Amino acid sequence: MPTPTSTEAPTAAQRTAAPVDRGTTRRGRKVLTFEQANRRLKWSLLSPALGFVALMIIFPLVFTVNLSLTDAFGAVNADNVYIGLQNFADALTDTRRFWPAVWRTVYFTVGAVALETVLGLALAMLMRKAFRGMEIVRTVLMVPLLATPVAIGILWLLILDPTNGIANHLLGFVGIPPQEFLGSVSQSLPTLMLIDVWQWTPMMTLLLLAGLSTLPEEPEEAALMDGANAWQRFRHIILPMLRTTVLTALVLRGVDALKTFDVIYATKGPGGGSGFEAETLNVYAYGLTFDYQEYGLASAVLVLFTLFIVAIVVLLRRRTGRTEA
């Protein structure tokens, strides 16, 4: 049987036997593999959401930094003059409002987060083992997290009212004279700290309880067999294994506490009180913006505040990384 010449069309058997280049089409176009097509589809679906998030982050940040370099006052869309770092210099040399606000922010954050961590860890240890009524306790524990900060501020204003509040009535039963609480210059910030502890200790409890549930039981059982008491097992076994979880919870709650605004403004009003006794950096920047309309200076304060938060996060993350290593 004669073999087909180069001008003859190949038979079906020859077409089957001939190797097929799956990377290109007859017209020379490259054919994507399933993995490549799936990767492109994934990024094409994610791109709109990522672009929107990036725009919502980058635009306000660039706008704020640009505004901080101007003498913007009265209106942000007015013709403003660029004055360089003058607003930053004014803020950093302001010992009447800025630096006291920095100190109050640090005092409030460190005190509240420390108490929340200790109480949250204690509650997590108590709830580590199942007991009767545990679901009810967990439900009650979640109640402070369900309310909005403004509603919580109004609630505590009623509870701590110096004249008609239930708090002073309860203190009177044990012989303690009435306290001013939020109406006092010296008691305002500690009172706000305790309100924050009441609201956010449940979150720390849940985070630490989740970490405790992942710990292996063998090291603690071995220590128990060796005669270690409960405190020794907690200090030398549980706490070292839980250190990464604790540091992660500190980062999350610490950053959130630094930004506290709602409760302070709802209970103390503009300026954190008539004597600025509860004015943190958030409240100070808000007052500069909406009360005094000093947009350039307020933007500089917010930029400094952002850098301060970033520095705290970097330090805590480095500490977490060293602990994991």
C-alpha atoms as a PDB file:
ATOM      1  CA  MET A   1       0.000   0.000   0.000  1.00  0.00           C
ATOM      2  CA  PRO A   2       1.568   3.374  -0.951  1.00  0.00           C
ATOM      3  CA  THR A   3       2.479   5.699   1.797  1.00  0.00           C
ATOM      4  CA  PRO A   4       0.907   9.170   1.766  1.00  0.00           C
ATOM      5  CA  THR A   5       3.041  11.938   0.348  1.00  0.00           C
ATOM      6  CA  SER A   6       3.587  15.260   2.106  1.00  0.00           C
ATOM      7  CA  THR A   7       0.719  16.733   0.101  1.00  0.00           C
ATOM      8  CA  GLU A   8      -1.782  14.132   1.274  1.00  0.00           C
ATOM      9  CA  ALA A   9      -3.853  14.610   4.437  1.00  0.00           C
ATOM     10  CA  PRO A  10      -2.795  12.372   7.370  1.00  0.00           C
ATOM     11  CA  THR A  11      -4.993   9.470   8.256  1.00  0.00           C
ATOM     12  CA  ALA A  12      -6.890   9.209  11.574  1.00  0.00           C
ATOM     13  CA  ALA A  13      -4.273   6.812  12.967  1.00  0.00           C
ATOM     14  CA  GLN A  14      -1.463   9.197  12.073  1.00  0.00           C
ATOM     15  CA  ARG A  15      -3.293  12.132  13.701  1.00  0.00           C
ATOM     16  CA  THR A  16      -3.712  10.060  16.868  1.00  0.00           C
ATOM     17  CA  ALA A  17      -0.084   9.024  16.939  1.00  0.00           C
ATOM     18  CA  ALA A  18       1.246  12.510  16.266  1.00  0.00           C
ATOM     19  CA  PRO A  19       2.313  14.449  19.416  1.00  0.00           C
ATOM     20  CA  VAL A  20       0.061  17.331  20.387  1.00  0.00           C
ATOM     21  CA  ASP A  21       1.480  20.557  21.754  1.00  0.00           C
ATOM     22  CA  ARG A  22      -0.956  21.433  24.534  1.00  0.00           C
ATOM     23  CA  GLY A  23       0.823  24.713  25.220  1.00  0.00           C
ATOM     24  CA  THR A  24      -0.256  26.440  22.005  1.00  0.00           C
ATOM     25  CA  THR A  25      -3.236  26.426  19.659  1.00  0.00           C
ATOM     26  CA  ARG A  26      -3.177  26.159  15.866  1.00  0.00           C
ATOM     27  CA  ARG A  27      -3.038  29.945  15.673  1.00  0.00           C
ATOM     28  CA  GLY A  28      -0.054  30.111  18.018  1.00  0.00           C
ATOM     29  CA  ARG A  29      -1.935  31.232  21.128  1.00  0.00           C
ATOM     30  CA  LYS A  30      -0.681  29.882  24.425  1.00  0.00           C
ATOM     31  CA  VAL A  31      -3.106  27.571  26.211  1.00  0.00           C
ATOM     32  CA  LEU A  32      -3.241  28.016  29.997  1.00  0.00           C
ATOM     33  CA  THR A  33      -3.078  25.042  32.292  1.00  0.00           C
ATOM     34  CA  PHE A  34      -5.814  24.497  34.853  1.00  0.00           C
ATOM     35  CA  GLU A  35      -3.626  25.833  37.656  1.00  0.00           C
ATOM     36  CA  GLN A  36      -2.733  28.985  35.713  1.00  0.00           C
ATOM     37  CA  ALA A  37      -6.352  29.616  34.737  1.00  0.00           C
ATOM     38  CA  ASN A  38      -7.469  29.068  38.328  1.00  0.00           C
ATOM     39  CA  ARG A  39      -4.826  31.479  39.618  1.00  0.00           C
ATOM     40  CA  ARG A  40      -5.852  34.174  37.136  1.00  0.00           C
ATOM     41  CA  LEU A  41      -9.517  33.688  37.959  1.00  0.00           C
ATOM     42  CA  LYS A  42      -8.779  33.998  41.667  1.00  0.00           C
ATOM     43  CA  TRP A  43      -6.951  37.299  41.276  1.00  0.00           C
ATOM     44  CA  SER A  44      -9.533  38.661  38.835  1.00  0.00           C
ATOM     45  CA  LEU A  45     -12.276  37.998  41.385  1.00  0.00           C
ATOM     46  CA  LEU A  46     -10.265  39.430  44.284  1.00  0.00           C
ATOM     47  CA  SER A  47      -8.953  42.507  42.476  1.00  0.00           C
ATOM     48  CA  PRO A  48     -12.073  44.711  42.871  1.00  0.00           C
ATOM     49  CA  ALA A  49     -12.272  44.083  46.613  1.00  0.00           C
ATOM     50  CA  LEU A  50      -8.518  44.532  47.100  1.00  0.00           C
ATOM     51  CA  GLY A  51      -8.576  47.715  45.048  1.00  0.00           C
ATOM     52  CA  PHE A  52     -11.452  49.125  47.077  1.00  0.00           C
ATOM     53  CA  VAL A  53      -9.750  48.313  50.392  1.00  0.00           C
ATOM     54  CA  ALA A  54      -6.458  49.792  49.190  1.00  0.00           C
ATOM     55  CA  LEU A  55      -8.251  52.947  48.043  1.00  0.00           C
ATOM     56  CA  MET A  56     -10.043  53.297  51.383  1.00  0.00           C
ATOM     57  CA  ILE A  57      -6.725  52.992  53.227  1.00  0.00           C
ATOM     58  CA  ILE A  58      -4.320  54.856  50.967  1.00  0.00           C
ATOM     59  CA  PHE A  59      -6.477  57.869  50.074  1.00  0.00           C
ATOM     60  CA  PRO A  60      -7.332  58.951  53.676  1.00  0.00           C
ATOM     61  CA  LEU A  61      -3.724  58.385  54.712  1.00  0.00           C
ATOM     62  CA  VAL A  62      -2.267  60.446  51.857  1.00  0.00           C
ATOM     63  CA  PHE A  63      -4.916  63.149  52.336  1.00  0.00           C
ATOM     64  CA  THR A  64      -4.189  63.391  56.070  1.00  0.00           C
ATOM     65  CA  VAL A  65      -0.417  63.547  55.576  1.00  0.00           C
ATOM     66  CA  ASN A  66      -0.840  66.225  52.911  1.00  0.00           C
ATOM     67  CA  LEU A  67      -3.184  68.231  55.160  1.00  0.00           C
ATOM     68  CA  SER A  68      -0.716  68.000  58.052  1.00  0.00           C
ATOM     69  CA  LEU A  69       1.830  69.923  55.984  1.00  0.00           C
ATOM     70  CA  THR A  70      -0.500  72.904  55.455  1.00  0.00           C
ATOM     71  CA  ASP A  71      -1.966  75.679  57.565  1.00  0.00           C
ATOM     72  CA  ALA A  72      -5.526  74.394  56.951  1.00  0.00           C
ATOM     73  CA  PHE A  73      -7.963  76.217  59.211  1.00  0.00           C
ATOM     74  CA  GLY A  74     -11.696  76.799  58.983  1.00  0.00           C
ATOM     75  CA  ALA A  75     -12.222  74.667  55.848  1.00  0.00           C
ATOM     76  CA  VAL A  76     -10.240  71.800  54.367  1.00  0.00           C
ATOM     77  CA  ASN A  77     -11.055  72.835  50.773  1.00  0.00           C
ATOM     78  CA  ALA A  78      -9.825  76.424  51.174  1.00  0.00           C
ATOM     79  CA  ASP A  79      -6.588  77.662  49.639  1.00  0.00           C
ATOM     80  CA  ASN A  80      -4.019  76.390  52.106  1.00  0.00           C
ATOM     81  CA  VAL A  81      -0.336  77.212  52.275  1.00  0.00           C
ATOM     82  CA  TYR A  82       2.266  74.502  52.735  1.00  0.00           C
ATOM     83  CA  ILE A  83       4.225  75.153  55.914  1.00  0.00           C
ATOM     84  CA  GLY A  84       6.283  71.960  56.045  1.00  0.00           C
ATOM     85  CA  LEU A  85       6.689  70.344  59.470  1.00  0.00           C
ATOM     86  CA  GLN A  86       5.513  73.363  61.441  1.00  0.00           C
ATOM     87  CA  ASN A  87       2.359  71.584  62.657  1.00  0.00           C
ATOM     88  CA  PHE A  88       4.435  68.671  63.923  1.00  0.00           C
ATOM     89  CA  ALA A  89       6.764  71.070  65.738  1.00  0.00           C
ATOM     90  CA  ASP A  90       3.783  72.864  67.309  1.00  0.00           C
ATOM     91  CA  ALA A  91       2.298  69.576  68.487  1.00  0.00           C
ATOM     92  CA  LEU A  92       5.537  68.175  69.891  1.00  0.00           C
ATOM     93  CA  THR A  93       6.256  71.389  71.798  1.00  0.00           C
ATOM     94  CA  ASP A  94       2.735  71.658  73.227  1.00  0.00           C
ATOM     95  CA  THR A  95       3.102  70.781  76.915  1.00  0.00           C
ATOM     96  CA  ARG A  96      -0.384  72.018  77.835  1.00  0.00           C
ATOM     97  CA  ARG A  97      -2.559  69.666  75.753  1.00  0.00           C
ATOM     98  CA  PHE A  98      -0.582  67.299  73.519  1.00  0.00           C
ATOM     99  CA  TRP A  99       1.858  65.670  75.951  1.00  0.00           C
ATOM    100  CA  PRO A 100      -0.703  65.343  78.781  1.00  0.00           C
ATOM    101  CA  ALA A 101      -2.990  63.651  76.224  1.00  0.00           C
ATOM    102  CA  VAL A 102      -0.151  61.284  75.295  1.00  0.00           C
ATOM    103  CA  TRP A 103       0.390  60.422  78.958  1.00  0.00           C
ATOM    104  CA  ARG A 104      -3.334  59.808  79.530  1.00  0.00           C
ATOM    105  CA  THR A 105      -3.484  57.592  76.437  1.00  0.00           C
ATOM    106  CA  VAL A 106      -0.580  55.470  77.652  1.00  0.00           C
ATOM    107  CA  TYR A 107      -1.893  55.366  81.224  1.00  0.00           C
ATOM    108  CA  PHE A 108      -5.376  54.351  80.106  1.00  0.00           C
ATOM    109  CA  THR A 109      -4.133  51.713  77.645  1.00  0.00           C
ATOM    110  CA  VAL A 110      -1.531  50.087  79.872  1.00  0.00           C
ATOM    111  CA  GLY A 111      -3.770  50.035  82.946  1.00  0.00           C
ATOM    112  CA  ALA A 112      -6.870  48.739  81.153  1.00  0.00           C
ATOM    113  CA  VAL A 113      -5.093  46.091  79.085  1.00  0.00           C
ATOM    114  CA  ALA A 114      -3.089  44.834  82.090  1.00  0.00           C
ATOM    115  CA  LEU A 115      -6.236  44.395  84.183  1.00  0.00           C
ATOM    116  CA  GLU A 116      -8.108  42.801  81.285  1.00  0.00           C
ATOM    117  CA  THR A 117      -5.283  40.343  80.698  1.00  0.00           C
ATOM    118  CA  VAL A 118      -5.046  39.276  84.344  1.00  0.00           C
ATOM    119  CA  LEU A 119      -8.810  38.964  84.802  1.00  0.00           C
ATOM    120  CA  GLY A 120      -9.260  37.337  81.397  1.00  0.00           C
ATOM    121  CA  LEU A 121      -6.595  34.747  82.141  1.00  0.00           C
ATOM    122  CA  ALA A 122      -8.125  34.009  85.555  1.00  0.00           C
ATOM    123  CA  LEU A 123     -11.596  33.550  84.036  1.00  0.00           C
ATOM    124  CA  ALA A 124     -10.186  31.429  81.220  1.00  0.00           C
ATOM    125  CA  MET A 125      -8.483  29.139  83.729  1.00  0.00           C
ATOM    126  CA  LEU A 126     -11.737  28.796  85.683  1.00  0.00           C
ATOM    127  CA  MET A 127     -13.668  27.978  82.509  1.00  0.00           C
ATOM    128  CA  ARG A 128     -11.044  25.629  81.138  1.00  0.00           C
ATOM    129  CA  LYS A 129     -12.767  22.560  82.572  1.00  0.00           C
ATOM    130  CA  ALA A 130     -16.415  21.924  81.859  1.00  0.00           C
ATOM    131  CA  PHE A 131     -18.856  22.457  84.748  1.00  0.00           C
ATOM    132  CA  ARG A 132     -22.592  22.660  85.250  1.00  0.00           C
ATOM    133  CA  GLY A 133     -23.992  25.929  83.966  1.00  0.00           C
ATOM    134  CA  MET A 134     -20.923  26.683  81.839  1.00  0.00           C
ATOM    135  CA  GLU A 135     -23.023  27.701  78.815  1.00  0.00           C
ATOM    136  CA  ILE A 136     -24.977  30.183  80.948  1.00  0.00           C
ATOM    137  CA  VAL A 137     -21.734  31.695  82.246  1.00  0.00           C
ATOM    138  CA  ARG A 138     -20.385  32.070  78.714  1.00  0.00           C
ATOM    139  CA  THR A 139     -23.605  33.715  77.561  1.00  0.00           C
ATOM    140  CA  VAL A 140     -23.552  36.214  80.439  1.00  0.00           C
ATOM    141  CA  LEU A 141     -19.890  36.860  79.761  1.00  0.00           C
ATOM    142  CA  MET A 142     -20.706  37.885  76.191  1.00  0.00           C
ATOM    143  CA  VAL A 143     -23.274  40.531  77.204  1.00  0.00           C
ATOM    144  CA  PRO A 144     -20.810  43.487  77.497  1.00  0.00           C
ATOM    145  CA  LEU A 145     -19.562  42.792  73.977  1.00  0.00           C
ATOM    146  CA  LEU A 146     -23.032  43.037  72.465  1.00  0.00           C
ATOM    147  CA  ALA A 147     -23.729  46.674  73.381  1.00  0.00           C
ATOM    148  CA  THR A 148     -22.306  49.661  71.516  1.00  0.00           C
ATOM    149  CA  PRO A 149     -19.705  51.826  73.305  1.00  0.00           C
ATOM    150  CA  VAL A 150     -22.033  54.847  73.350  1.00  0.00           C
ATOM    151  CA  ALA A 151     -24.811  52.811  74.968  1.00  0.00           C
ATOM    152  CA  ILE A 152     -22.332  51.510  77.530  1.00  0.00           C
ATOM    153  CA  GLY A 153     -21.196  55.046  78.283  1.00  0.00           C
ATOM    154  CA  ILE A 154     -24.769  56.206  78.905  1.00  0.00           C
ATOM    155  CA  LEU A 155     -25.467  53.141  81.040  1.00  0.00           C
ATOM    156  CA  TRP A 156     -22.485  53.823  83.272  1.00  0.00           C
ATOM    157  CA  LEU A 157     -23.363  57.504  83.476  1.00  0.00           C
ATOM    158  CA  LEU A 158     -26.645  56.446  85.088  1.00  0.00           C
ATOM    159  CA  ILE A 159     -25.000  53.886  87.368  1.00  0.00           C
ATOM    160  CA  LEU A 160     -22.255  56.266  88.535  1.00  0.00           C
ATOM    161  CA  ASP A 161     -24.404  59.374  88.912  1.00  0.00           C
ATOM    162  CA  PRO A 162     -23.216  61.044  92.165  1.00  0.00           C
ATOM    163  CA  THR A 163     -26.761  61.793  93.323  1.00  0.00           C
ATOM    164  CA  ASN A 164     -29.083  59.088  92.026  1.00  0.00           C
ATOM    165  CA  GLY A 165     -26.687  56.401  90.783  1.00  0.00           C
ATOM    166  CA  ILE A 166     -26.923  52.912  92.209  1.00  0.00           C
ATOM    167  CA  ALA A 167     -23.156  52.745  92.739  1.00  0.00           C
ATOM    168  CA  ASN A 168     -23.151  55.283  95.584  1.00  0.00           C
ATOM    169  CA  HIS A 169     -26.180  53.600  97.168  1.00  0.00           C
ATOM    170  CA  LEU A 170     -24.275  50.310  97.241  1.00  0.00           C
ATOM    171  CA  LEU A 171     -21.179  51.997  98.652  1.00  0.00           C
ATOM    172  CA  GLY A 172     -23.319  53.536 101.389  1.00  0.00           C
ATOM    173  CA  PHE A 173     -24.264  50.046 102.631  1.00  0.00           C
ATOM    174  CA  VAL A 174     -20.618  49.353 103.478  1.00  0.00           C
ATOM    175  CA  GLY A 175     -19.950  52.773 105.006  1.00  0.00           C
ATOM    176  CA  ILE A 176     -18.108  54.369 102.065  1.00  0.00           C
ATOM    177  CA  PRO A 177     -19.054  58.020 101.437  1.00  0.00           C
ATOM    178  CA  PRO A 178     -20.492  58.997  98.027  1.00  0.00           C
ATOM    179  CA  GLN A 179     -17.957  59.333  95.230  1.00  0.00           C
ATOM    180  CA  GLU A 180     -18.032  61.648  92.226  1.00  0.00           C
ATOM    181  CA  PHE A 181     -16.585  59.064  89.830  1.00  0.00           C
ATOM    182  CA  LEU A 182     -16.837  60.596  86.326  1.00  0.00           C
ATOM    183  CA  GLY A 183     -17.485  64.049  87.784  1.00  0.00           C
ATOM    184  CA  SER A 184     -14.120  64.115  89.549  1.00  0.00           C
ATOM    185  CA  VAL A 185     -10.900  65.309  87.958  1.00  0.00           C
ATOM    186  CA  SER A 186      -8.825  62.679  89.762  1.00  0.00           C
ATOM    187  CA  GLN A 187     -11.303  59.788  89.438  1.00  0.00           C
ATOM    188  CA  SER A 188     -12.427  60.210  85.829  1.00  0.00           C
ATOM    189  CA  LEU A 189      -9.609  58.363  84.075  1.00  0.00           C
ATOM    190  CA  PRO A 190      -9.476  55.420  86.540  1.00  0.00           C
ATOM    191  CA  THR A 191     -13.271  55.135  86.289  1.00  0.00           C
ATOM    192  CA  LEU A 192     -13.115  55.073  82.495  1.00  0.00           C
ATOM    193  CA  MET A 193     -10.412  52.442  82.749  1.00  0.00           C
ATOM    194  CA  LEU A 194     -12.682  50.232  84.883  1.00  0.00           C
ATOM    195  CA  ILE A 195     -15.534  50.699  82.393  1.00  0.00           C
ATOM    196  CA  ASP A 196     -13.204  49.538  79.629  1.00  0.00           C
ATOM    197  CA  VAL A 197     -12.186  46.550  81.756  1.00  0.00           C
ATOM    198  CA  TRP A 198     -15.844  45.633  82.278  1.00  0.00           C
ATOM    199  CA  GLN A 199     -16.523  45.796  78.546  1.00  0.00           C
ATOM    200  CA  TRP A 200     -13.461  44.088  77.085  1.00  0.00           C
ATOM    201  CA  THR A 201     -12.375  41.508  79.670  1.00  0.00           C
ATOM    202  CA  PRO A 202     -14.785  38.978  78.062  1.00  0.00           C
ATOM    203  CA  MET A 203     -12.937  39.300  74.752  1.00  0.00           C
ATOM    204  CA  MET A 204      -9.588  38.613  76.429  1.00  0.00           C
ATOM    205  CA  THR A 205     -11.189  35.654  78.209  1.00  0.00           C
ATOM    206  CA  LEU A 206     -12.387  34.141  74.945  1.00  0.00           C
ATOM    207  CA  LEU A 207      -9.013  34.639  73.246  1.00  0.00           C
ATOM    208  CA  LEU A 208      -7.081  33.086  76.115  1.00  0.00           C
ATOM    209  CA  LEU A 209      -9.624  30.295  76.527  1.00  0.00           C
ATOM    210  CA  ALA A 210      -9.145  29.420  72.864  1.00  0.00           C
ATOM    211  CA  GLY A 211      -5.390  29.263  73.453  1.00  0.00           C
ATOM    212  CA  LEU A 212      -5.804  27.086  76.547  1.00  0.00           C
ATOM    213  CA  SER A 213      -7.954  24.613  74.619  1.00  0.00           C
ATOM    214  CA  THR A 214      -5.066  23.931  72.203  1.00  0.00           C
ATOM    215  CA  LEU A 215      -2.454  23.146  74.870  1.00  0.00           C
ATOM    216  CA  PRO A 216      -1.419  19.504  75.314  1.00  0.00           C
ATOM    217  CA  GLU A 217      -2.398  17.935  78.627  1.00  0.00           C
ATOM    218  CA  GLU A 218       0.595  15.587  78.979  1.00  0.00           C
ATOM    219  CA  PRO A 219       3.088  18.141  80.452  1.00  0.00           C
ATOM    220  CA  GLU A 220       0.615  19.252  83.113  1.00  0.00           C
ATOM    221  CA  GLU A 221      -0.282  15.648  83.967  1.00  0.00           C
ATOM    222  CA  ALA A 222       3.406  14.794  84.294  1.00  0.00           C
ATOM    223  CA  ALA A 223       3.961  17.749  86.625  1.00  0.00           C
ATOM    224  CA  LEU A 224       0.940  16.664  88.674  1.00  0.00           C
ATOM    225  CA  MET A 225       2.407  13.177  89.014  1.00  0.00           C
ATOM    226  CA  ASP A 226       5.652  14.764  90.235  1.00  0.00           C
ATOM    227  CA  GLY A 227       3.766  16.562  93.025  1.00  0.00           C
ATOM    228  CA  ALA A 228       3.542  20.095  91.568  1.00  0.00           C
ATOM    229  CA  ASN A 229       0.708  22.163  93.008  1.00  0.00           C
ATOM    230  CA  ALA A 230      -1.751  24.233  90.973  1.00  0.00           C
ATOM    231  CA  TRP A 231       0.322  27.442  91.096  1.00  0.00           C
ATOM    232  CA  GLN A 232       3.515  25.640  90.083  1.00  0.00           C
ATOM    233  CA  ARG A 233       1.770  23.953  87.169  1.00  0.00           C
ATOM    234  CA  PHE A 234       0.330  27.286  86.025  1.00  0.00           C
ATOM    235  CA  ARG A 235       3.595  29.206  86.358  1.00  0.00           C
ATOM    236  CA  HIS A 236       6.033  26.670  84.945  1.00  0.00           C
ATOM    237  CA  ILE A 237       3.886  24.652  82.525  1.00  0.00           C
ATOM    238  CA  ILE A 238       0.766  26.469  81.355  1.00  0.00           C
ATOM    239  CA  LEU A 239       2.009  30.068  81.206  1.00  0.00           C
ATOM    240  CA  PRO A 240       5.150  29.356  79.120  1.00  0.00           C
ATOM    241  CA  MET A 241       3.108  27.347  76.608  1.00  0.00           C
ATOM    242  CA  LEU A 242       0.463  30.095  76.504  1.00  0.00           C
ATOM    243  CA  ARG A 243       2.933  32.977  76.088  1.00  0.00           C
ATOM    244  CA  THR A 244       2.442  33.385  72.339  1.00  0.00           C
ATOM    245  CA  THR A 245      -1.346  33.515  72.730  1.00  0.00           C
ATOM    246  CA  VAL A 246      -1.047  36.079  75.533  1.00  0.00           C
ATOM    247  CA  LEU A 247       1.234  38.325  73.471  1.00  0.00           C
ATOM    248  CA  THR A 248      -1.083  38.081  70.461  1.00  0.00           C
ATOM    249  CA  ALA A 249      -4.061  39.024  72.629  1.00  0.00           C
ATOM    250  CA  LEU A 250      -2.066  41.938  74.048  1.00  0.00           C
ATOM    251  CA  VAL A 251      -1.325  43.232  70.533  1.00  0.00           C
ATOM    252  CA  LEU A 252      -4.967  43.019  69.447  1.00  0.00           C
ATOM    253  CA  ARG A 253      -6.433  44.540  72.592  1.00  0.00           C
ATOM    254  CA  GLY A 254      -3.650  47.081  73.060  1.00  0.00           C
ATOM    255  CA  VAL A 255      -4.114  48.608  69.603  1.00  0.00           C
ATOM    256  CA  ASP A 256      -7.874  48.714  70.132  1.00  0.00           C
ATOM    257  CA  ALA A 257      -7.517  50.353  73.553  1.00  0.00           C
ATOM    258  CA  LEU A 258      -5.207  53.027  72.149  1.00  0.00           C
ATOM    259  CA  LYS A 259      -8.016  54.089  69.797  1.00  0.00           C
ATOM    260  CA  THR A 260     -10.736  54.304  72.473  1.00  0.00           C
ATOM    261  CA  PHE A 261     -12.959  57.291  71.807  1.00  0.00           C
ATOM    262  CA  ASP A 262     -16.680  56.472  72.024  1.00  0.00           C
ATOM    263  CA  VAL A 263     -16.958  55.769  75.745  1.00  0.00           C
ATOM    264  CA  ILE A 264     -14.773  58.726  76.700  1.00  0.00           C
ATOM    265  CA  TYR A 265     -16.701  61.178  74.539  1.00  0.00           C
ATOM    266  CA  ALA A 266     -20.083  59.778  75.609  1.00  0.00           C
ATOM    267  CA  THR A 267     -19.293  60.133  79.309  1.00  0.00           C
ATOM    268  CA  LYS A 268     -17.023  63.206  79.450  1.00  0.00           C
ATOM    269  CA  GLY A 269     -18.004  65.195  76.389  1.00  0.00           C
ATOM    270  CA  PRO A 270     -15.684  67.477  74.350  1.00  0.00           C
ATOM    271  CA  GLY A 271     -12.145  67.766  75.613  1.00  0.00           C
ATOM    272  CA  GLY A 272     -12.533  64.847  77.996  1.00  0.00           C
ATOM    273  CA  GLY A 273     -14.098  67.118  80.608  1.00  0.00           C
ATOM    274  CA  SER A 274     -13.957  70.761  81.574  1.00  0.00           C
ATOM    275  CA  GLY A 275     -10.384  70.370  82.824  1.00  0.00           C
ATOM    276  CA  PHE A 276      -9.275  68.003  80.042  1.00  0.00           C
ATOM    277  CA  GLU A 277      -8.898  65.354  82.751  1.00  0.00           C
ATOM    278  CA  ALA A 278      -9.839  62.465  80.431  1.00  0.00           C
ATOM    279  CA  GLU A 279      -8.561  63.853  77.136  1.00  0.00           C
ATOM    280  CA  THR A 280      -6.639  61.202  75.195  1.00  0.00           C
ATOM    281  CA  LEU A 281      -5.023  61.693  71.793  1.00  0.00           C
ATOM    282  CA  ASN A 282      -8.176  60.606  69.986  1.00  0.00           C
ATOM    283  CA  VAL A 283     -10.323  63.079  71.902  1.00  0.00           C
ATOM    284  CA  TYR A 284      -7.702  65.813  71.455  1.00  0.00           C
ATOM    285  CA  ALA A 285      -7.562  65.308  67.673  1.00  0.00           C
ATOM    286  CA  TYR A 286     -11.361  65.260  67.476  1.00  0.00           C
ATOM    287  CA  GLY A 287     -11.558  68.557  69.376  1.00  0.00           C
ATOM    288  CA  LEU A 288      -8.965  70.203  67.140  1.00  0.00           C
ATOM    289  CA  THR A 289     -10.941  69.137  64.078  1.00  0.00           C
ATOM    290  CA  PHE A 290     -14.586  69.774  64.959  1.00  0.00           C
ATOM    291  CA  ASP A 291     -14.400  72.252  67.834  1.00  0.00           C
ATOM    292  CA  TYR A 292     -11.494  74.471  66.769  1.00  0.00           C
ATOM    293  CA  GLN A 293     -11.353  73.601  63.034  1.00  0.00           C
ATOM    294  CA  GLU A 294      -7.558  73.447  63.087  1.00  0.00           C
ATOM    295  CA  TYR A 295      -7.375  70.796  60.391  1.00  0.00           C
ATOM    296  CA  GLY A 296      -3.663  71.057  59.720  1.00  0.00           C
ATOM    297  CA  LEU A 297      -2.666  70.667  63.363  1.00  0.00           C
ATOM    298  CA  ALA A 298      -5.257  67.916  63.897  1.00  0.00           C
ATOM    299  CA  SER A 299      -3.872  66.001  60.913  1.00  0.00           C
ATOM    300  CA  ALA A 300      -0.358  66.279  62.318  1.00  0.00           C
ATOM    301  CA  VAL A 301      -1.567  64.901  65.662  1.00  0.00           C
ATOM    302  CA  LEU A 302      -3.267  61.987  63.889  1.00  0.00           C
ATOM    303  CA  VAL A 303      -0.111  61.218  61.888  1.00  0.00           C
ATOM    304  CA  LEU A 304       1.948  61.214  65.082  1.00  0.00           C
ATOM    305  CA  PHE A 305      -0.680  59.021  66.744  1.00  0.00           C
ATOM    306  CA  THR A 306      -0.567  56.564  63.828  1.00  0.00           C
ATOM    307  CA  LEU A 307       3.223  56.377  63.990  1.00  0.00           C
ATOM    308  CA  PHE A 308       2.973  55.785  67.736  1.00  0.00           C
ATOM    309  CA  ILE A 309       0.553  52.878  67.207  1.00  0.00           C
ATOM    310  CA  VAL A 310       2.715  51.372  64.454  1.00  0.00           C
ATOM    311  CA  ALA A 311       5.782  51.558  66.707  1.00  0.00           C
ATOM    312  CA  ILE A 312       3.929  49.782  69.536  1.00  0.00           C
ATOM    313  CA  VAL A 313       2.714  47.047  67.174  1.00  0.00           C
ATOM    314  CA  VAL A 314       6.204  46.509  65.720  1.00  0.00           C
ATOM    315  CA  LEU A 315       7.743  46.220  69.184  1.00  0.00           C
ATOM    316  CA  LEU A 316       5.108  43.750  70.354  1.00  0.00           C
ATOM    317  CA  ARG A 317       5.374  41.704  67.162  1.00  0.00           C
ATOM    318  CA  ARG A 318       9.151  41.502  67.527  1.00  0.00           C
ATOM    319  CA  ARG A 319       8.670  40.315  71.086  1.00  0.00           C
ATOM    320  CA  THR A 320       6.188  37.724  69.850  1.00  0.00           C
ATOM    321  CA  GLY A 321       8.611  36.591  67.154  1.00  0.00           C
ATOM    322  CA  ARG A 322      11.452  36.157  69.655  1.00  0.00           C
ATOM    323  CA  THR A 323       9.143  34.170  71.913  1.00  0.00           C
ATOM    324  CA  GLU A 324       8.089  31.852  69.084  1.00  0.00           C
ATOM    325  CA  ALA A 325      11.715  31.345  68.088  1.00  0.00           C
END
